PDB file of N, CA and C in Angstrom:
ATOM      1  N   MET A   1     -21.768  68.290 -13.582  1.00  0.00           N
ATOM      2  CA  MET A   1     -23.082  67.729 -13.284  1.00  0.00           C
ATOM      3  C   MET A   1     -23.633  68.447 -12.050  1.00  0.00           C
ATOM      4  N   SER A   2     -24.881  68.871 -12.113  1.00  0.00           N
ATOM      5  CA  SER A   2     -25.495  69.593 -11.001  1.00  0.00           C
ATOM      6  C   SER A   2     -25.913  68.617  -9.891  1.00  0.00           C
ATOM      7  N   LEU A   3     -26.191  69.158  -8.722  1.00  0.00           N
ATOM      8  CA  LEU A   3     -26.646  68.329  -7.607  1.00  0.00           C
ATOM      9  C   LEU A   3     -27.920  67.580  -7.989  1.00  0.00           C
ATOM     10  N   ARG A   4     -28.853  68.278  -8.643  1.00  0.00           N
ATOM     11  CA  ARG A   4     -30.104  67.630  -9.037  1.00  0.00           C
ATOM     12  C   ARG A   4     -29.838  66.459  -9.979  1.00  0.00           C
ATOM     13  N   GLU A   5     -28.942  66.659 -10.929  1.00  0.00           N
ATOM     14  CA  GLU A   5     -28.611  65.587 -11.862  1.00  0.00           C
ATOM     15  C   GLU A   5     -27.928  64.412 -11.157  1.00  0.00           C
ATOM     16  N   GLU A   6     -27.058  64.718 -10.212  1.00  0.00           N
ATOM     17  CA  GLU A   6     -26.397  63.653  -9.460  1.00  0.00           C
ATOM     18  C   GLU A   6     -27.403  62.878  -8.609  1.00  0.00           C
ATOM     19  N   LEU A   7     -28.331  63.604  -7.976  1.00  0.00           N
ATOM     20  CA  LEU A   7     -29.371  62.923  -7.201  1.00  0.00           C
ATOM     21  C   LEU A   7     -30.217  62.035  -8.103  1.00  0.00           C
ATOM     22  N   GLN A   8     -30.590  62.568  -9.249  1.00  0.00           N
ATOM     23  CA  GLN A   8     -31.400  61.800 -10.202  1.00  0.00           C
ATOM     24  C   GLN A   8     -30.674  60.519 -10.597  1.00  0.00           C
ATOM     25  N   SER A   9     -29.409  60.637 -10.905  1.00  0.00           N
ATOM     26  CA  SER A   9     -28.612  59.481 -11.302  1.00  0.00           C
ATOM     27  C   SER A   9     -28.500  58.467 -10.163  1.00  0.00           C
ATOM     28  N   THR A  10     -28.271  58.956  -8.949  1.00  0.00           N
ATOM     29  CA  THR A  10     -28.139  58.067  -7.788  1.00  0.00           C
ATOM     30  C   THR A  10     -29.452  57.371  -7.479  1.00  0.00           C
ATOM     31  N   ILE A  11     -30.543  58.114  -7.532  1.00  0.00           N
ATOM     32  CA  ILE A  11     -31.866  57.521  -7.305  1.00  0.00           C
ATOM     33  C   ILE A  11     -32.118  56.418  -8.325  1.00  0.00           C
ATOM     34  N   ASN A  12     -31.783  56.699  -9.577  1.00  0.00           N
ATOM     35  CA  ASN A  12     -31.984  55.726 -10.643  1.00  0.00           C
ATOM     36  C   ASN A  12     -31.079  54.511 -10.457  1.00  0.00           C
ATOM     37  N   ARG A  13     -29.815  54.749 -10.152  1.00  0.00           N
ATOM     38  CA  ARG A  13     -28.841  53.669 -10.000  1.00  0.00           C
ATOM     39  C   ARG A  13     -29.236  52.698  -8.887  1.00  0.00           C
ATOM     40  N   HIS A  14     -29.842  53.231  -7.826  1.00  0.00           N
ATOM     41  CA  HIS A  14     -30.241  52.405  -6.685  1.00  0.00           C
ATOM     42  C   HIS A  14     -31.712  51.994  -6.751  1.00  0.00           C
ATOM     43  N   SER A  15     -32.374  52.339  -7.830  1.00  0.00           N
ATOM     44  CA  SER A  15     -33.805  52.040  -8.020  1.00  0.00           C
ATOM     45  C   SER A  15     -34.637  52.535  -6.836  1.00  0.00           C
ATOM     46  N   ALA A  16     -34.237  53.677  -6.283  1.00  0.00           N
ATOM     47  CA  ALA A  16     -34.921  54.222  -5.108  1.00  0.00           C
ATOM     48  C   ALA A  16     -36.297  54.787  -5.437  1.00  0.00           C
ATOM     49  N   GLU A  17     -36.610  54.937  -6.720  1.00  0.00           N
ATOM     50  CA  GLU A  17     -37.914  55.480  -7.101  1.00  0.00           C
ATOM     51  C   GLU A  17     -39.011  54.424  -7.066  1.00  0.00           C
ATOM     52  N   HIS A  18     -38.641  53.176  -6.922  1.00  0.00           N
ATOM     53  CA  HIS A  18     -39.637  52.098  -6.977  1.00  0.00           C
ATOM     54  C   HIS A  18     -40.644  52.144  -5.825  1.00  0.00           C
ATOM     55  N   GLY A  19     -40.226  52.558  -4.653  1.00  0.00           N
ATOM     56  CA  GLY A  19     -41.133  52.601  -3.505  1.00  0.00           C
ATOM     57  C   GLY A  19     -42.350  53.480  -3.733  1.00  0.00           C
ATOM     58  N   SER A  20     -42.127  54.631  -4.359  1.00  0.00           N
ATOM     59  CA  SER A  20     -43.228  55.569  -4.578  1.00  0.00           C
ATOM     60  C   SER A  20     -43.723  55.546  -6.022  1.00  0.00           C
ATOM     61  N   ASN A  21     -43.050  54.800  -6.889  1.00  0.00           N
ATOM     62  CA  ASN A  21     -43.388  54.760  -8.313  1.00  0.00           C
ATOM     63  C   ASN A  21     -43.406  56.174  -8.899  1.00  0.00           C
ATOM     64  N   THR A  22     -42.402  56.973  -8.478  1.00  0.00           N
ATOM     65  CA  THR A  22     -42.260  58.348  -8.936  1.00  0.00           C
ATOM     66  C   THR A  22     -40.972  58.442  -9.741  1.00  0.00           C
ATOM     67  N   PRO A  23     -41.001  59.062 -10.907  1.00  0.00           N
ATOM     68  CA  PRO A  23     -39.790  59.175 -11.708  1.00  0.00           C
ATOM     69  C   PRO A  23     -38.634  59.822 -10.937  1.00  0.00           C
ATOM     70  N   ASP A  24     -37.426  59.335 -11.208  1.00  0.00           N
ATOM     71  CA  ASP A  24     -36.254  59.819 -10.483  1.00  0.00           C
ATOM     72  C   ASP A  24     -36.040  61.318 -10.627  1.00  0.00           C
ATOM     73  N   PHE A  25     -36.361  61.907 -11.784  1.00  0.00           N
ATOM     74  CA  PHE A  25     -36.156  63.345 -11.955  1.00  0.00           C
ATOM     75  C   PHE A  25     -37.109  64.153 -11.072  1.00  0.00           C
ATOM     76  N   ILE A  26     -38.295  63.629 -10.815  1.00  0.00           N
ATOM     77  CA  ILE A  26     -39.244  64.322  -9.924  1.00  0.00           C
ATOM     78  C   ILE A  26     -38.750  64.237  -8.485  1.00  0.00           C
ATOM     79  N   LEU A  27     -38.262  63.086  -8.080  1.00  0.00           N
ATOM     80  CA  LEU A  27     -37.725  62.938  -6.722  1.00  0.00           C
ATOM     81  C   LEU A  27     -36.497  63.819  -6.517  1.00  0.00           C
ATOM     82  N   ALA A  28     -35.635  63.902  -7.514  1.00  0.00           N
ATOM     83  CA  ALA A  28     -34.452  64.749  -7.410  1.00  0.00           C
ATOM     84  C   ALA A  28     -34.838  66.215  -7.282  1.00  0.00           C
ATOM     85  N   GLN A  29     -35.832  66.644  -8.050  1.00  0.00           N
ATOM     86  CA  GLN A  29     -36.310  68.025  -7.943  1.00  0.00           C
ATOM     87  C   GLN A  29     -36.915  68.283  -6.571  1.00  0.00           C
ATOM     88  N   TYR A  30     -37.672  67.328  -6.057  1.00  0.00           N
ATOM     89  CA  TYR A  30     -38.263  67.445  -4.717  1.00  0.00           C
ATOM     90  C   TYR A  30     -37.172  67.614  -3.658  1.00  0.00           C
ATOM     91  N   LEU A  31     -36.131  66.797  -3.739  1.00  0.00           N
ATOM     92  CA  LEU A  31     -35.064  66.861  -2.738  1.00  0.00           C
ATOM     93  C   LEU A  31     -34.312  68.187  -2.789  1.00  0.00           C
ATOM     94  N   THR A  32     -33.998  68.692  -3.987  1.00  0.00           N
ATOM     95  CA  THR A  32     -33.311  69.980  -4.059  1.00  0.00           C
ATOM     96  C   THR A  32     -34.225  71.111  -3.601  1.00  0.00           C
ATOM     97  N   SER A  33     -35.508  70.992  -3.850  1.00  0.00           N
ATOM     98  CA  SER A  33     -36.461  71.993  -3.359  1.00  0.00           C
ATOM     99  C   SER A  33     -36.541  71.970  -1.836  1.00  0.00           C
ATOM    100  N   CYS A  34     -36.474  70.780  -1.258  1.00  0.00           N
ATOM    101  CA  CYS A  34     -36.455  70.666   0.206  1.00  0.00           C
ATOM    102  C   CYS A  34     -35.232  71.363   0.793  1.00  0.00           C
ATOM    103  N   LEU A  35     -34.068  71.175   0.163  1.00  0.00           N
ATOM    104  CA  LEU A  35     -32.857  71.840   0.638  1.00  0.00           C
ATOM    105  C   LEU A  35     -32.993  73.362   0.558  1.00  0.00           C
ATOM    106  N   ALA A  36     -33.546  73.854  -0.523  1.00  0.00           N
ATOM    107  CA  ALA A  36     -33.734  75.297  -0.677  1.00  0.00           C
ATOM    108  C   ALA A  36     -34.718  75.830   0.361  1.00  0.00           C
ATOM    109  N   ALA A  37     -35.790  75.088   0.619  1.00  0.00           N
ATOM    110  CA  ALA A  37     -36.784  75.507   1.617  1.00  0.00           C
ATOM    111  C   ALA A  37     -36.164  75.517   3.020  1.00  0.00           C
ATOM    112  N   PHE A  38     -35.310  74.543   3.299  1.00  0.00           N
ATOM    113  CA  PHE A  38     -34.653  74.501   4.600  1.00  0.00           C
ATOM    114  C   PHE A  38     -33.719  75.701   4.768  1.00  0.00           C
ATOM    115  N   ASP A  39     -32.951  76.031   3.718  1.00  0.00           N
ATOM    116  CA  ASP A  39     -32.088  77.211   3.781  1.00  0.00           C
ATOM    117  C   ASP A  39     -32.912  78.458   4.077  1.00  0.00           C
ATOM    118  N   GLU A  40     -34.051  78.580   3.418  1.00  0.00           N
ATOM    119  CA  GLU A  40     -34.932  79.729   3.634  1.00  0.00           C
ATOM    120  C   GLU A  40     -35.458  79.760   5.068  1.00  0.00           C
ATOM    121  N   ALA A  41     -35.818  78.603   5.603  1.00  0.00           N
ATOM    122  CA  ALA A  41     -36.316  78.526   6.976  1.00  0.00           C
ATOM    123  C   ALA A  41     -35.229  78.901   7.985  1.00  0.00           C
ATOM    124  N   VAL A  42     -34.013  78.450   7.746  1.00  0.00           N
ATOM    125  CA  VAL A  42     -32.900  78.792   8.640  1.00  0.00           C
ATOM    126  C   VAL A  42     -32.659  80.297   8.621  1.00  0.00           C
ATOM    127  N   ASN A  43     -32.697  80.895   7.439  1.00  0.00           N
ATOM    128  CA  ASN A  43     -32.516  82.342   7.354  1.00  0.00           C
ATOM    129  C   ASN A  43     -33.636  83.082   8.078  1.00  0.00           C
ATOM    130  N   ALA A  44     -34.872  82.625   7.943  1.00  0.00           N
ATOM    131  CA  ALA A  44     -36.003  83.256   8.643  1.00  0.00           C
ATOM    132  C   ALA A  44     -35.835  83.149  10.150  1.00  0.00           C
ATOM    133  N   ARG A  45     -35.382  81.985  10.611  1.00  0.00           N
ATOM    134  CA  ARG A  45     -35.143  81.795  12.047  1.00  0.00           C
ATOM    135  C   ARG A  45     -34.064  82.738  12.550  1.00  0.00           C
ATOM    136  N   GLU A  46     -32.967  82.834  11.814  1.00  0.00           N
ATOM    137  CA  GLU A  46     -31.872  83.709  12.228  1.00  0.00           C
ATOM    138  C   GLU A  46     -32.327  85.166  12.265  1.00  0.00           C
ATOM    139  N   LYS A  47     -33.106  85.567  11.269  1.00  0.00           N
ATOM    140  CA  LYS A  47     -33.638  86.936  11.243  1.00  0.00           C
ATOM    141  C   LYS A  47     -34.537  87.173  12.450  1.00  0.00           C
ATOM    142  N   TRP A  48     -35.372  86.209  12.791  1.00  0.00           N
ATOM    143  CA  TRP A  48     -36.286  86.347  13.917  1.00  0.00           C
ATOM    144  C   TRP A  48     -35.518  86.533  15.226  1.00  0.00           C
ATOM    145  N   TYR A  49     -34.386  85.828  15.350  1.00  0.00           N
ATOM    146  CA  TYR A  49     -33.546  85.957  16.545  1.00  0.00           C
ATOM    147  C   TYR A  49     -32.622  87.171  16.486  1.00  0.00           C
ATOM    148  N   GLY A  50     -32.689  87.943  15.395  1.00  0.00           N
ATOM    149  CA  GLY A  50     -31.862  89.131  15.260  1.00  0.00           C
ATOM    150  C   GLY A  50     -30.420  88.824  14.896  1.00  0.00           C
ATOM    151  N   ARG A  51     -30.194  87.680  14.278  1.00  0.00           N
ATOM    152  CA  ARG A  51     -28.831  87.289  13.901  1.00  0.00           C
ATOM    153  C   ARG A  51     -28.673  87.390  12.388  1.00  0.00           C
ATOM    154  N   GLU A  52     -27.423  87.361  11.963  1.00  0.00           N
ATOM    155  CA  GLU A  52     -27.113  87.386  10.535  1.00  0.00           C
ATOM    156  C   GLU A  52     -27.563  86.077   9.893  1.00  0.00           C
ATOM    157  N   PRO A  53     -28.041  86.152   8.649  1.00  0.00           N
ATOM    158  CA  PRO A  53     -28.439  84.925   7.956  1.00  0.00           C
ATOM    159  C   PRO A  53     -27.244  83.986   7.788  1.00  0.00           C
ATOM    160  N   ARG A  54     -27.502  82.718   7.882  1.00  0.00           N
ATOM    161  CA  ARG A  54     -26.443  81.723   7.698  1.00  0.00           C
ATOM    162  C   ARG A  54     -26.162  81.500   6.217  1.00  0.00           C
ATOM    163  N   PHE A  55     -27.142  81.774   5.375  1.00  0.00           N
ATOM    164  CA  PHE A  55     -26.995  81.607   3.930  1.00  0.00           C
ATOM    165  C   PHE A  55     -27.334  82.941   3.278  1.00  0.00           C
ATOM    166  N   PRO A  56     -26.445  83.937   3.417  1.00  0.00           N
ATOM    167  CA  PRO A  56     -26.792  85.284   2.941  1.00  0.00           C
ATOM    168  C   PRO A  56     -26.909  85.404   1.428  1.00  0.00           C
ATOM    169  N   TYR A  57     -26.442  84.427   0.704  1.00  0.00           N
ATOM    170  CA  TYR A  57     -26.467  84.523  -0.757  1.00  0.00           C
ATOM    171  C   TYR A  57     -27.551  83.658  -1.371  1.00  0.00           C
ATOM    172  N   GLY A  58     -28.567  83.328  -0.611  1.00  0.00           N
ATOM    173  CA  GLY A  58     -29.667  82.525  -1.142  1.00  0.00           C
ATOM    174  C   GLY A  58     -29.456  81.049  -0.837  1.00  0.00           C
ATOM    175  N   PRO A  59     -30.100  80.191  -1.608  1.00  0.00           N
ATOM    176  CA  PRO A  59     -29.995  78.750  -1.366  1.00  0.00           C
ATOM    177  C   PRO A  59     -28.553  78.266  -1.470  1.00  0.00           C
ATOM    178  N   GLY A  60     -28.354  77.039  -1.063  1.00  0.00           N
ATOM    179  CA  GLY A  60     -27.026  76.435  -1.055  1.00  0.00           C
ATOM    180  C   GLY A  60     -26.320  76.494  -2.401  1.00  0.00           C
ATOM    181  N   PRO A  61     -25.153  75.900  -2.459  1.00  0.00           N
ATOM    182  CA  PRO A  61     -24.322  76.004  -3.665  1.00  0.00           C
ATOM    183  C   PRO A  61     -24.777  75.084  -4.799  1.00  0.00           C
ATOM    184  N   PHE A  62     -26.067  74.946  -4.952  1.00  0.00           N
ATOM    185  CA  PHE A  62     -26.608  74.124  -6.036  1.00  0.00           C
ATOM    186  C   PHE A  62     -27.703  74.920  -6.720  1.00  0.00           C
ATOM    187  N   GLU A  63     -27.959  74.559  -7.938  1.00  0.00           N
ATOM    188  CA  GLU A  63     -28.979  75.248  -8.716  1.00  0.00           C
ATOM    189  C   GLU A  63     -30.340  74.621  -8.464  1.00  0.00           C
ATOM    190  N   VAL A  64     -31.302  75.442  -8.128  1.00  0.00           N
ATOM    191  CA  VAL A  64     -32.667  74.963  -7.917  1.00  0.00           C
ATOM    192  C   VAL A  64     -33.531  75.555  -9.010  1.00  0.00           C
ATOM    193  N   SER A  65     -34.089  74.709  -9.825  1.00  0.00           N
ATOM    194  CA  SER A  65     -35.009  75.194 -10.864  1.00  0.00           C
ATOM    195  C   SER A  65     -36.416  74.818 -10.469  1.00  0.00           C
ATOM    196  N   ARG A  66     -37.272  75.803 -10.412  1.00  0.00           N
ATOM    197  CA  ARG A  66     -38.651  75.555  -9.981  1.00  0.00           C
ATOM    198  C   ARG A  66     -39.574  75.569 -11.161  1.00  0.00           C
TER     199      ARG A  66
END
């Protein structure tokens, strides 16, 4: 099971989508996209400081489908 699928299941199990009335699969995609964007921002920061990227192989160890 992928991270996105696990998030979707957890959001659904806890009815966490009720606050925004947004389907759990959309919230799960949003959260994995946030993680990927953060990885990209950290790499940009490290590059700006002249350091090696912290995530040299792209986003974290989860699949992000856009």
